[in-house]
C-alpha atoms as a PDB file:
ATOM      1  CA  MET A   1      73.771  19.434 165.813  1.00  0.00           C
ATOM      2  CA  LYS A   2      74.520  22.656 167.606  1.00  0.00           C
ATOM      3  CA  ALA A   3      74.910  22.688 171.420  1.00  0.00           C
ATOM      4  CA  ASN A   4      72.046  24.034 173.451  1.00  0.00           C
ATOM      5  CA  PRO A   5      72.912  27.327 175.163  1.00  0.00           C
ATOM      6  CA  ILE A   6      71.073  26.391 178.372  1.00  0.00           C
ATOM      7  CA  SER A   7      73.217  25.415 181.331  1.00  0.00           C
ATOM      8  CA  SER A   8      72.297  24.176 184.762  1.00  0.00           C
ATOM      9  CA  THR A   9      73.697  26.107 187.750  1.00  0.00           C
ATOM     10  CA  ILE A  10      73.536  22.898 189.852  1.00  0.00           C
ATOM     11  CA  PRO A  11      74.759  19.334 189.230  1.00  0.00           C
ATOM     12  CA  LEU A  12      72.215  16.943 187.734  1.00  0.00           C
ATOM     13  CA  ASP A  13      73.985  13.815 188.916  1.00  0.00           C
ATOM     14  CA  GLN A  14      75.280  14.291 192.471  1.00  0.00           C
ATOM     15  CA  ASP A  15      73.781  13.010 195.693  1.00  0.00           C
ATOM     16  CA  GLY A  16      72.181  15.596 197.988  1.00  0.00           C
ATOM     17  CA  VAL A  17      69.637  18.384 197.553  1.00  0.00           C
ATOM     18  CA  HIS A  18      70.520  21.061 195.053  1.00  0.00           C
ATOM     19  CA  HIS A  19      68.473  24.175 194.277  1.00  0.00           C
ATOM     20  CA  GLY A  20      69.337  26.380 191.298  1.00  0.00           C
ATOM     21  CA  TYR A  21      68.374  27.265 187.779  1.00  0.00           C
ATOM     22  CA  LEU A  22      68.395  26.387 184.160  1.00  0.00           C
ATOM     23  CA  LYS A  23      70.105  29.449 182.727  1.00  0.00           C
ATOM     24  CA  LEU A  24      69.151  30.457 179.153  1.00  0.00           C
ATOM     25  CA  PRO A  25      70.973  33.542 177.744  1.00  0.00           C
ATOM     26  CA  TYR A  26      68.418  36.033 176.425  1.00  0.00           C
ATOM     27  CA  SER A  27      69.464  39.453 175.273  1.00  0.00           C
ATOM     28  CA  ARG A  28      66.617  41.949 175.316  1.00  0.00           C
ATOM     29  CA  ASP A  29      65.776  45.654 175.599  1.00  0.00           C
ATOM     30  CA  ASP A  30      65.857  45.714 179.403  1.00  0.00           C
ATOM     31  CA  SER A  31      68.908  43.427 179.818  1.00  0.00           C
ATOM     32  CA  ALA A  32      71.579  43.315 177.062  1.00  0.00           C
ATOM     33  CA  TRP A  33      73.326  40.296 178.628  1.00  0.00           C
ATOM     34  CA  GLY A  34      70.310  38.981 180.391  1.00  0.00           C
ATOM     35  CA  SER A  35      69.134  35.359 180.915  1.00  0.00           C
ATOM     36  CA  VAL A  36      65.921  33.479 181.532  1.00  0.00           C
ATOM     37  CA  MET A  37      66.469  31.758 184.942  1.00  0.00           C
ATOM     38  CA  ILE A  38      64.168  28.713 185.209  1.00  0.00           C
ATOM     39  CA  PRO A  39      63.995  27.429 188.821  1.00  0.00           C
ATOM     40  CA  LEU A  40      65.262  23.888 189.228  1.00  0.00           C
ATOM     41  CA  THR A  41      65.736  21.409 192.074  1.00  0.00           C
ATOM     42  CA  VAL A  42      67.555  18.097 191.872  1.00  0.00           C
ATOM     43  CA  ILE A  43      67.339  15.650 194.780  1.00  0.00           C
ATOM     44  CA  GLN A  44      69.358  12.439 194.527  1.00  0.00           C
ATOM     45  CA  SER A  45      70.360   9.594 196.769  1.00  0.00           C
ATOM     46  CA  GLY A  46      71.972   6.431 195.625  1.00  0.00           C
ATOM     47  CA  GLU A  47      70.777   4.152 192.802  1.00  0.00           C
ATOM     48  CA  GLY A  48      67.200   4.154 191.581  1.00  0.00           C
ATOM     49  CA  PRO A  49      64.764   5.604 189.017  1.00  0.00           C
ATOM     50  CA  THR A  50      64.728   9.171 187.912  1.00  0.00           C
ATOM     51  CA  ALA A  51      61.486  11.164 187.877  1.00  0.00           C
ATOM     52  CA  LEU A  52      61.333  14.350 185.823  1.00  0.00           C
ATOM     53  CA  LEU A  53      58.502  16.500 187.271  1.00  0.00           C
ATOM     54  CA  THR A  54      57.133  19.530 185.544  1.00  0.00           C
ATOM     55  CA  GLY A  55      54.416  22.127 186.073  1.00  0.00           C
ATOM     56  CA  ALA A  56      53.305  25.271 184.096  1.00  0.00           C
ATOM     57  CA  ASN A  57      53.968  23.653 180.703  1.00  0.00           C
ATOM     58  CA  HIS A  58      51.218  26.258 180.108  1.00  0.00           C
ATOM     59  CA  GLY A  59      51.840  29.292 182.229  1.00  0.00           C
ATOM     60  CA  ASP A  60      48.300  29.843 183.542  1.00  0.00           C
ATOM     61  CA  GLU A  61      47.911  26.371 185.153  1.00  0.00           C
ATOM     62  CA  TYR A  62      48.849  26.330 188.847  1.00  0.00           C
ATOM     63  CA  GLU A  63      48.399  22.973 190.617  1.00  0.00           C
ATOM     64  CA  GLY A  64      51.669  21.614 189.302  1.00  0.00           C
ATOM     65  CA  PRO A  65      53.825  24.582 190.332  1.00  0.00           C
ATOM     66  CA  ILE A  66      52.229  24.475 193.832  1.00  0.00           C
ATOM     67  CA  ALA A  67      52.703  20.760 194.335  1.00  0.00           C
ATOM     68  CA  LEU A  68      56.261  20.853 192.910  1.00  0.00           C
ATOM     69  CA  HIS A  69      57.369  23.844 194.989  1.00  0.00           C
ATOM     70  CA  GLU A  70      56.169  22.076 198.145  1.00  0.00           C
ATOM     71  CA  LEU A  71      57.899  18.826 197.109  1.00  0.00           C
ATOM     72  CA  ALA A  72      61.201  20.690 196.525  1.00  0.00           C
ATOM     73  CA  SER A  73      60.964  22.475 199.870  1.00  0.00           C
ATOM     74  CA  ILE A  74      60.149  19.484 202.157  1.00  0.00           C
ATOM     75  CA  THR A  75      62.117  16.608 200.609  1.00  0.00           C
ATOM     76  CA  GLY A  76      65.497  15.630 201.833  1.00  0.00           C
ATOM     77  CA  ALA A  77      68.013  13.357 200.140  1.00  0.00           C
ATOM     78  CA  GLU A  78      67.368  10.787 202.843  1.00  0.00           C
ATOM     79  CA  ASP A  79      63.727  10.602 201.635  1.00  0.00           C
ATOM     80  CA  VAL A  80      64.752   9.583 198.053  1.00  0.00           C
ATOM     81  CA  THR A  81      65.910   6.418 196.419  1.00  0.00           C
ATOM     82  CA  GLY A  82      67.045   7.549 192.980  1.00  0.00           C
ATOM     83  CA  ARG A  83      66.558  11.096 191.687  1.00  0.00           C
ATOM     84  CA  LEU A  84      64.008  13.798 191.399  1.00  0.00           C
ATOM     85  CA  ILE A  85      64.418  16.557 188.732  1.00  0.00           C
ATOM     86  CA  ILE A  86      61.911  19.217 189.639  1.00  0.00           C
ATOM     87  CA  VAL A  87      60.950  22.055 187.253  1.00  0.00           C
ATOM     88  CA  PRO A  88      57.856  23.798 188.795  1.00  0.00           C
ATOM     89  CA  ALA A  89      57.535  26.223 185.833  1.00  0.00           C
ATOM     90  CA  PHE A  90      58.445  24.533 182.589  1.00  0.00           C
ATOM     91  CA  ASN A  91      57.527  27.488 180.328  1.00  0.00           C
ATOM     92  CA  TYR A  92      58.884  30.024 182.849  1.00  0.00           C
ATOM     93  CA  PRO A  93      58.211  33.166 180.762  1.00  0.00           C
ATOM     94  CA  ALA A  94      54.585  32.104 180.363  1.00  0.00           C
ATOM     95  CA  PHE A  95      54.334  31.303 184.111  1.00  0.00           C
ATOM     96  CA  ARG A  96      55.689  34.728 185.054  1.00  0.00           C
ATOM     97  CA  ALA A  97      53.146  36.479 182.668  1.00  0.00           C
ATOM     98  CA  GLY A  98      50.239  34.199 183.762  1.00  0.00           C
ATOM     99  CA  THR A  99      49.620  33.273 180.102  1.00  0.00           C
ATOM    100  CA  ARG A 100      49.187  29.962 178.314  1.00  0.00           C
ATOM    101  CA  THR A 101      52.046  30.764 175.877  1.00  0.00           C
ATOM    102  CA  SER A 102      55.350  32.610 176.213  1.00  0.00           C
ATOM    103  CA  PRO A 103      55.042  36.382 176.031  1.00  0.00           C
ATOM    104  CA  ILE A 104      58.521  36.393 174.414  1.00  0.00           C
ATOM    105  CA  ASP A 105      57.816  34.337 171.277  1.00  0.00           C
ATOM    106  CA  LYS A 106      54.173  33.185 171.696  1.00  0.00           C
ATOM    107  CA  GLY A 107      55.531  29.712 172.034  1.00  0.00           C
ATOM    108  CA  ASN A 108      53.232  26.939 173.218  1.00  0.00           C
ATOM    109  CA  MET A 109      55.638  24.560 175.045  1.00  0.00           C
ATOM    110  CA  ASN A 110      53.316  21.652 174.481  1.00  0.00           C
ATOM    111  CA  ARG A 111      53.569  22.120 170.721  1.00  0.00           C
ATOM    112  CA  ALA A 112      57.315  23.018 170.500  1.00  0.00           C
ATOM    113  CA  PHE A 113      58.963  19.589 170.666  1.00  0.00           C
ATOM    114  CA  PRO A 114      61.512  18.424 169.700  1.00  0.00           C
ATOM    115  CA  GLY A 115      62.660  22.046 169.775  1.00  0.00           C
ATOM    116  CA  ARG A 116      65.775  23.663 168.342  1.00  0.00           C
ATOM    117  CA  PRO A 117      69.029  24.663 170.019  1.00  0.00           C
ATOM    118  CA  ASP A 118      69.197  27.748 167.735  1.00  0.00           C
ATOM    119  CA  GLY A 119      65.449  28.543 167.813  1.00  0.00           C
ATOM    120  CA  THR A 120      63.226  30.804 169.825  1.00  0.00           C
ATOM    121  CA  VAL A 121      63.371  30.788 173.681  1.00  0.00           C
ATOM    122  CA  THR A 122      60.575  28.264 173.826  1.00  0.00           C
ATOM    123  CA  GLU A 123      62.230  26.033 171.263  1.00  0.00           C
ATOM    124  CA  LYS A 124      65.548  26.114 173.147  1.00  0.00           C
ATOM    125  CA  ILE A 125      63.888  25.092 176.351  1.00  0.00           C
ATOM    126  CA  ALA A 126      62.099  22.213 174.492  1.00  0.00           C
ATOM    127  CA  ASP A 127      65.392  21.123 172.896  1.00  0.00           C
ATOM    128  CA  TYR A 128      67.170  21.070 176.346  1.00  0.00           C
ATOM    129  CA  PHE A 129      64.433  18.779 177.740  1.00  0.00           C
ATOM    130  CA  GLN A 130      64.465  16.623 174.566  1.00  0.00           C
ATOM    131  CA  ARG A 131      68.247  16.083 174.500  1.00  0.00           C
ATOM    132  CA  THR A 132      69.410  16.568 178.063  1.00  0.00           C
ATOM    133  CA  LEU A 133      66.727  15.953 180.669  1.00  0.00           C
ATOM    134  CA  LEU A 134      64.355  13.427 179.163  1.00  0.00           C
ATOM    135  CA  PRO A 135      67.185  10.878 178.429  1.00  0.00           C
ATOM    136  CA  LEU A 136      67.909  10.919 182.187  1.00  0.00           C
ATOM    137  CA  ALA A 137      64.295  10.106 183.147  1.00  0.00           C
ATOM    138  CA  ASP A 138      62.466   6.835 183.768  1.00  0.00           C
ATOM    139  CA  VAL A 139      59.141   8.578 184.455  1.00  0.00           C
ATOM    140  CA  ALA A 140      57.785  12.055 183.692  1.00  0.00           C
ATOM    141  CA  VAL A 141      54.846  13.676 185.468  1.00  0.00           C
ATOM    142  CA  ASP A 142      53.579  16.777 183.644  1.00  0.00           C
ATOM    143  CA  PHE A 143      50.855  18.680 185.436  1.00  0.00           C
ATOM    144  CA  HIS A 144      48.115  20.449 183.473  1.00  0.00           C
ATOM    145  CA  SER A 145      44.751  22.035 184.146  1.00  0.00           C
ATOM    146  CA  GLY A 146      42.464  24.132 181.987  1.00  0.00           C
ATOM    147  CA  GLY A 147      44.093  27.525 182.308  1.00  0.00           C
ATOM    148  CA  LYS A 148      41.948  30.582 181.761  1.00  0.00           C
ATOM    149  CA  THR A 149      39.812  29.100 178.944  1.00  0.00           C
ATOM    150  CA  LEU A 150      38.802  25.601 180.023  1.00  0.00           C
ATOM    151  CA  ASP A 151      37.608  23.783 183.158  1.00  0.00           C
ATOM    152  CA  PHE A 152      37.902  20.088 183.851  1.00  0.00           C
ATOM    153  CA  VAL A 153      36.788  17.486 186.280  1.00  0.00           C
ATOM    154  CA  PRO A 154      40.062  16.545 188.087  1.00  0.00           C
ATOM    155  CA  PHE A 155      41.665  13.691 186.183  1.00  0.00           C
ATOM    156  CA  ALA A 156      44.960  11.966 185.534  1.00  0.00           C
ATOM    157  CA  ALA A 157      45.531  10.679 182.030  1.00  0.00           C
ATOM    158  CA  ALA A 158      47.640   8.342 180.032  1.00  0.00           C
ATOM    159  CA  HIS A 159      47.627   7.999 176.279  1.00  0.00           C
ATOM    160  CA  ILE A 160      46.460   5.286 174.048  1.00  0.00           C
ATOM    161  CA  LEU A 161      49.711   4.208 172.204  1.00  0.00           C
ATOM    162  CA  ASP A 162      50.854   1.933 169.474  1.00  0.00           C
ATOM    163  CA  ASP A 163      53.590   0.711 171.861  1.00  0.00           C
ATOM    164  CA  LYS A 164      51.455  -1.359 174.155  1.00  0.00           C
ATOM    165  CA  ALA A 165      54.176  -2.173 176.664  1.00  0.00           C
ATOM    166  CA  THR A 166      54.752   1.629 177.226  1.00  0.00           C
ATOM    167  CA  GLN A 167      51.037   2.162 177.231  1.00  0.00           C
ATOM    168  CA  GLU A 168      50.404  -0.369 180.028  1.00  0.00           C
ATOM    169  CA  ALA A 169      53.290   1.131 182.140  1.00  0.00           C
ATOM    170  CA  CYS A 170      51.697   4.545 181.663  1.00  0.00           C
ATOM    171  CA  PHE A 171      48.224   3.247 182.571  1.00  0.00           C
ATOM    172  CA  ALA A 172      49.669   1.669 185.753  1.00  0.00           C
ATOM    173  CA  ALA A 173      51.245   5.034 186.762  1.00  0.00           C
ATOM    174  CA  MET A 174      48.009   6.863 185.991  1.00  0.00           C
ATOM    175  CA  LYS A 175      46.169   4.458 188.274  1.00  0.00           C
ATOM    176  CA  ALA A 176      48.752   5.020 190.998  1.00  0.00           C
ATOM    177  CA  PHE A 177      48.211   8.787 190.679  1.00  0.00           C
ATOM    178  CA  ASN A 178      44.545   7.996 191.643  1.00  0.00           C
ATOM    179  CA  ALA A 179      42.865  11.225 190.713  1.00  0.00           C
ATOM    180  CA  PRO A 180      38.990  11.236 191.141  1.00  0.00           C
ATOM    181  CA  TYR A 181      38.838  10.512 187.423  1.00  0.00           C
ATOM    182  CA  SER A 182      41.243   8.420 185.331  1.00  0.00           C
ATOM    183  CA  VAL A 183      41.252   8.907 181.555  1.00  0.00           C
ATOM    184  CA  GLU A 184      42.666   6.771 178.801  1.00  0.00           C
ATOM    185  CA  LEU A 185      43.197   9.539 176.277  1.00  0.00           C
ATOM    186  CA  LEU A 186      43.507   9.588 172.489  1.00  0.00           C
ATOM    187  CA  GLU A 187      45.011  12.997 171.516  1.00  0.00           C
ATOM    188  CA  ILE A 188      43.344  14.892 168.690  1.00  0.00           C
ATOM    189  CA  ASP A 189      46.612  16.780 167.994  1.00  0.00           C
ATOM    190  CA  SER A 190      49.800  15.171 169.283  1.00  0.00           C
ATOM    191  CA  ALA A 191      52.341  16.793 166.926  1.00  0.00           C
ATOM    192  CA  GLY A 192      54.965  18.669 168.836  1.00  0.00           C
ATOM    193  CA  MET A 193      53.669  17.644 172.210  1.00  0.00           C
ATOM    194  CA  TYR A 194      55.974  17.111 175.211  1.00  0.00           C
ATOM    195  CA  ASP A 195      53.887  14.022 175.939  1.00  0.00           C
ATOM    196  CA  THR A 196      54.779  12.592 172.491  1.00  0.00           C
ATOM    197  CA  ALA A 197      58.483  13.308 173.016  1.00  0.00           C
ATOM    198  CA  VAL A 198      58.376  11.372 176.343  1.00  0.00           C
ATOM    199  CA  GLU A 199      56.447   8.425 174.912  1.00  0.00           C
ATOM    200  CA  GLU A 200      58.539   8.142 171.771  1.00  0.00           C
ATOM    201  CA  MET A 201      61.552   7.499 174.099  1.00  0.00           C
ATOM    202  CA  SER A 202      59.487   4.687 175.741  1.00  0.00           C
ATOM    203  CA  LYS A 203      59.395   6.633 179.016  1.00  0.00           C
ATOM    204  CA  VAL A 204      56.443   6.437 181.350  1.00  0.00           C
ATOM    205  CA  LEU A 205      54.261   9.600 181.297  1.00  0.00           C
ATOM    206  CA  VAL A 206      51.508  10.709 183.626  1.00  0.00           C
ATOM    207  CA  THR A 207      49.673  13.952 182.778  1.00  0.00           C
ATOM    208  CA  THR A 208      46.694  15.625 184.343  1.00  0.00           C
ATOM    209  CA  GLU A 209      43.851  18.082 183.936  1.00  0.00           C
ATOM    210  CA  LEU A 210      42.987  19.145 187.450  1.00  0.00           C
ATOM    211  CA  GLY A 211      40.638  22.134 187.157  1.00  0.00           C
ATOM    212  CA  GLY A 212      40.802  25.381 185.281  1.00  0.00           C
ATOM    213  CA  GLY A 213      39.727  28.989 185.081  1.00  0.00           C
ATOM    214  CA  GLY A 214      43.229  30.334 185.528  1.00  0.00           C
ATOM    215  CA  SER A 215      43.513  29.443 189.219  1.00  0.00           C
ATOM    216  CA  SER A 216      43.546  26.499 191.550  1.00  0.00           C
ATOM    217  CA  THR A 217      41.564  25.334 194.605  1.00  0.00           C
ATOM    218  CA  ALA A 218      42.335  23.651 197.898  1.00  0.00           C
ATOM    219  CA  ARG A 219      40.837  20.492 196.452  1.00  0.00           C
ATOM    220  CA  SER A 220      42.689  20.539 193.147  1.00  0.00           C
ATOM    221  CA  ASN A 221      45.999  21.279 194.902  1.00  0.00           C
ATOM    222  CA  ALA A 222      45.421  18.413 197.343  1.00  0.00           C
ATOM    223  CA  ILE A 223      44.738  16.033 194.398  1.00  0.00           C
ATOM    224  CA  ALA A 224      47.993  17.166 192.729  1.00  0.00           C
ATOM    225  CA  LYS A 225      50.046  16.584 195.867  1.00  0.00           C
ATOM    226  CA  LYS A 226      48.581  13.226 196.704  1.00  0.00           C
ATOM    227  CA  GLY A 227      48.819  11.943 193.181  1.00  0.00           C
ATOM    228  CA  LEU A 228      52.398  13.098 192.818  1.00  0.00           C
ATOM    229  CA  ARG A 229      53.433  11.274 196.041  1.00  0.00           C
ATOM    230  CA  ASN A 230      51.538   8.147 194.956  1.00  0.00           C
ATOM    231  CA  VAL A 231      53.432   8.005 191.606  1.00  0.00           C
ATOM    232  CA  LEU A 232      56.808   8.443 193.343  1.00  0.00           C
ATOM    233  CA  ILE A 233      55.974   5.659 195.829  1.00  0.00           C
ATOM    234  CA  HIS A 234      54.735   3.478 192.854  1.00  0.00           C
ATOM    235  CA  PHE A 235      58.199   3.876 191.344  1.00  0.00           C
ATOM    236  CA  GLY A 236      60.062   3.315 194.662  1.00  0.00           C
ATOM    237  CA  ILE A 237      61.534   6.784 194.707  1.00  0.00           C
ATOM    238  CA  LEU A 238      59.703   7.777 197.898  1.00  0.00           C
ATOM    239  CA  GLN A 239      58.692   5.348 200.648  1.00  0.00           C
ATOM    240  CA  GLY A 240      55.318   4.951 202.319  1.00  0.00           C
ATOM    241  CA  GLU A 241      51.841   3.766 201.580  1.00  0.00           C
ATOM    242  CA  MET A 242      49.912   5.113 198.599  1.00  0.00           C
ATOM    243  CA  GLN A 243      46.595   6.802 199.350  1.00  0.00           C
ATOM    244  CA  ILE A 244      44.060   5.106 197.130  1.00  0.00           C
ATOM    245  CA  ASN A 245      40.436   6.272 196.736  1.00  0.00           C
ATOM    246  CA  GLU A 246      37.640   5.466 194.284  1.00  0.00           C
ATOM    247  CA  THR A 247      38.280   6.721 190.741  1.00  0.00           C
ATOM    248  CA  VAL A 248      35.931   6.920 187.756  1.00  0.00           C
ATOM    249  CA  ASN A 249      37.463   5.318 184.702  1.00  0.00           C
ATOM    250  CA  LEU A 250      36.906   7.041 181.422  1.00  0.00           C
ATOM    251  CA  THR A 251      38.218   6.897 177.861  1.00  0.00           C
ATOM    252  CA  MET A 252      38.227   9.359 175.000  1.00  0.00           C
ATOM    253  CA  PRO A 253      38.367   7.092 171.957  1.00  0.00           C
ATOM    254  CA  ASP A 254      37.712   9.469 169.046  1.00  0.00           C
ATOM    255  CA  ASP A 255      36.738  12.944 167.852  1.00  0.00           C
ATOM    256  CA  ASP A 256      33.100  12.399 168.761  1.00  0.00           C
ATOM    257  CA  CYS A 257      34.021  13.276 172.356  1.00  0.00           C
ATOM    258  CA  PHE A 258      34.715  16.887 171.409  1.00  0.00           C
ATOM    259  CA  LEU A 259      32.327  19.737 170.551  1.00  0.00           C
ATOM    260  CA  PHE A 260      33.600  23.010 168.951  1.00  0.00           C
ATOM    261  CA  SER A 261      31.879  26.243 168.447  1.00  0.00           C
ATOM    262  CA  GLU A 262      31.098  27.337 164.910  1.00  0.00           C
ATOM    263  CA  GLY A 263      30.535  30.969 165.785  1.00  0.00           C
ATOM    264  CA  ASP A 264      31.173  33.764 168.289  1.00  0.00           C
ATOM    265  CA  GLY A 265      28.670  34.308 171.092  1.00  0.00           C
ATOM    266  CA  LEU A 266      27.596  34.233 174.710  1.00  0.00           C
ATOM    267  CA  TYR A 267      28.218  30.816 176.252  1.00  0.00           C
ATOM    268  CA  GLU A 268      25.442  29.191 178.213  1.00  0.00           C
ATOM    269  CA  ALA A 269      26.275  25.838 179.876  1.00  0.00           C
ATOM    270  CA  MET A 270      23.324  23.448 179.844  1.00  0.00           C
ATOM    271  CA  THR A 271      25.193  20.742 181.739  1.00  0.00           C
ATOM    272  CA  ASP A 272      27.695  20.796 184.561  1.00  0.00           C
ATOM    273  CA  LEU A 273      31.065  19.140 184.857  1.00  0.00           C
ATOM    274  CA  GLY A 274      30.759  15.555 185.973  1.00  0.00           C
ATOM    275  CA  GLN A 275      27.183  15.338 184.812  1.00  0.00           C
ATOM    276  CA  PRO A 276      26.149  12.195 182.858  1.00  0.00           C
ATOM    277  CA  VAL A 277      24.678  12.752 179.407  1.00  0.00           C
ATOM    278  CA  GLU A 278      23.228  10.601 176.649  1.00  0.00           C
ATOM    279  CA  LYS A 279      23.897  10.925 172.996  1.00  0.00           C
ATOM    280  CA  GLY A 280      21.788  13.908 171.778  1.00  0.00           C
ATOM    281  CA  ASP A 281      21.562  15.700 175.106  1.00  0.00           C
ATOM    282  CA  LEU A 282      21.874  19.495 175.027  1.00  0.00           C
ATOM    283  CA  ILE A 283      25.346  20.487 176.262  1.00  0.00           C
ATOM    284  CA  ALA A 284      25.459  24.221 175.674  1.00  0.00           C
ATOM    285  CA  ARG A 285      23.785  27.101 173.871  1.00  0.00           C
ATOM    286  CA  ILE A 286      25.620  29.991 172.151  1.00  0.00           C
ATOM    287  CA  TRP A 287      23.611  33.262 172.000  1.00  0.00           C
ATOM    288  CA  PRO A 288      24.380  35.977 169.442  1.00  0.00           C
ATOM    289  CA  LEU A 289      26.345  38.975 170.749  1.00  0.00           C
ATOM    290  CA  ASP A 290      25.043  41.693 168.402  1.00  0.00           C
ATOM    291  CA  ARG A 291      21.230  41.480 168.476  1.00  0.00           C
ATOM    292  CA  THR A 292      18.241  40.303 170.520  1.00  0.00           C
ATOM    293  CA  GLY A 293      15.276  38.232 169.374  1.00  0.00           C
ATOM    294  CA  GLN A 294      17.439  35.548 167.752  1.00  0.00           C
ATOM    295  CA  PRO A 295      17.542  31.863 168.897  1.00  0.00           C
ATOM    296  CA  PRO A 296      20.775  30.424 170.201  1.00  0.00           C
ATOM    297  CA  VAL A 297      22.881  27.842 168.413  1.00  0.00           C
ATOM    298  CA  GLU A 298      22.604  24.569 170.334  1.00  0.00           C
ATOM    299  CA  TYR A 299      25.301  21.935 170.769  1.00  0.00           C
ATOM    300  CA  TYR A 300      24.445  18.330 171.588  1.00  0.00           C
ATOM    301  CA  ALA A 301      26.442  15.399 172.876  1.00  0.00           C
ATOM    302  CA  ARG A 302      27.644  13.074 170.131  1.00  0.00           C
ATOM    303  CA  ARG A 303      28.311  10.317 172.648  1.00  0.00           C
ATOM    304  CA  ALA A 304      26.951   9.078 175.971  1.00  0.00           C
ATOM    305  CA  GLY A 305      29.220   9.653 178.937  1.00  0.00           C
ATOM    306  CA  LEU A 306      30.268  12.310 181.432  1.00  0.00           C
ATOM    307  CA  VAL A 307      30.965  15.949 180.739  1.00  0.00           C
ATOM    308  CA  ILE A 308      34.688  16.164 181.706  1.00  0.00           C
ATOM    309  CA  SER A 309      35.545  19.606 180.252  1.00  0.00           C
ATOM    310  CA  ARG A 310      33.763  22.783 179.317  1.00  0.00           C
ATOM    311  CA  HIS A 311      34.605  26.275 178.004  1.00  0.00           C
ATOM    312  CA  PHE A 312      35.216  28.547 180.947  1.00  0.00           C
ATOM    313  CA  PRO A 313      34.867  32.241 179.944  1.00  0.00           C
ATOM    314  CA  GLY A 314      31.366  33.680 179.417  1.00  0.00           C
ATOM    315  CA  LEU A 315      32.110  34.571 175.803  1.00  0.00           C
ATOM    316  CA  ILE A 316      33.189  32.011 173.171  1.00  0.00           C
ATOM    317  CA  LYS A 317      34.705  32.388 169.705  1.00  0.00           C
ATOM    318  CA  SER A 318      34.476  30.312 166.565  1.00  0.00           C
ATOM    319  CA  GLY A 319      36.708  27.266 166.874  1.00  0.00           C
ATOM    320  CA  ASP A 320      36.806  27.282 170.656  1.00  0.00           C
ATOM    321  CA  CYS A 321      36.134  23.993 172.449  1.00  0.00           C
ATOM    322  CA  VAL A 322      32.495  23.954 173.774  1.00  0.00           C
ATOM    323  CA  ALA A 323      32.787  20.788 175.880  1.00  0.00           C
ATOM    324  CA  VAL A 324      34.257  17.292 175.989  1.00  0.00           C
ATOM    325  CA  VAL A 325      32.405  14.062 176.859  1.00  0.00           C
ATOM    326  CA  GLY A 326      34.371  11.100 178.320  1.00  0.00           C
ATOM    327  CA  VAL A 327      33.045   7.576 177.829  1.00  0.00           C
ATOM    328  CA  ILE A 328      32.487   5.710 181.085  1.00  0.00           C
ATOM    329  CA  GLY A 329      33.806   2.258 181.913  1.00  0.00           C
ATOM    330  CA  ALA A 330      37.246   2.060 180.359  1.00  0.00           C
END
């Protein structure tokens, strides 16, 4: 297989604190011999586990970049047993543009794995993680929120897997993160996901959905920072006491948790995030855009549980996610 053109400007395997870049050559109109420079920090001290920490897998999700920039700025080598590999903006072109996908190639980083060393910019980044960074890691924390189009109750998640030993290690790390909600998640579309790449290597993965709307809040940022520190203490990479508060345990066992719009319209939420619902309860109404006097299309819960996600913009298109219901008591 071809070599990946990405190179690190700092060592990945030396003790100390190193700040630099993943340098990806990218020739373009405004820079003939240009590069995409992805910020990177590696903090290492002695023997111990390696945590690979990423934010902005989607570029319009901000809790991860905030928590990881702070971690990189305040952590010394003396604080660490093992190694932290910190990439605050995984899909850096998307992060700079404030978009979910890359403005260069429209690549969705969370559907680009395993990537290609001779592919698009997004595929090259995915390949570098697949073949260079992930093999170094024992645990990966990948921060997500809803971006501009979704909003979530703040939760940490781990996936329901065929490999039950890996699943249980992921569930334990999710519980250590200790978000207000903890979700055992069955993905509806796992092909090409970074999560899948991590789990297929039998690595521990914790992911999140911490809010949405294309911004962050003081609360969601605090949840990200506390959860990250808890996970690193759980693995012995940082020292100290974990901060543990009450969490609501949920699962998403099948497609009945999801509602999707079958037409364009004006979105009217009939339930709020975190609200309990019964099967058959009205979740949302979609009003026509082009005429008055017509009734809305109504969407009803197909399961009892809590509303854990909803469409965020005021207008909705056919195929957009209307809402997600999580099942209580996992």
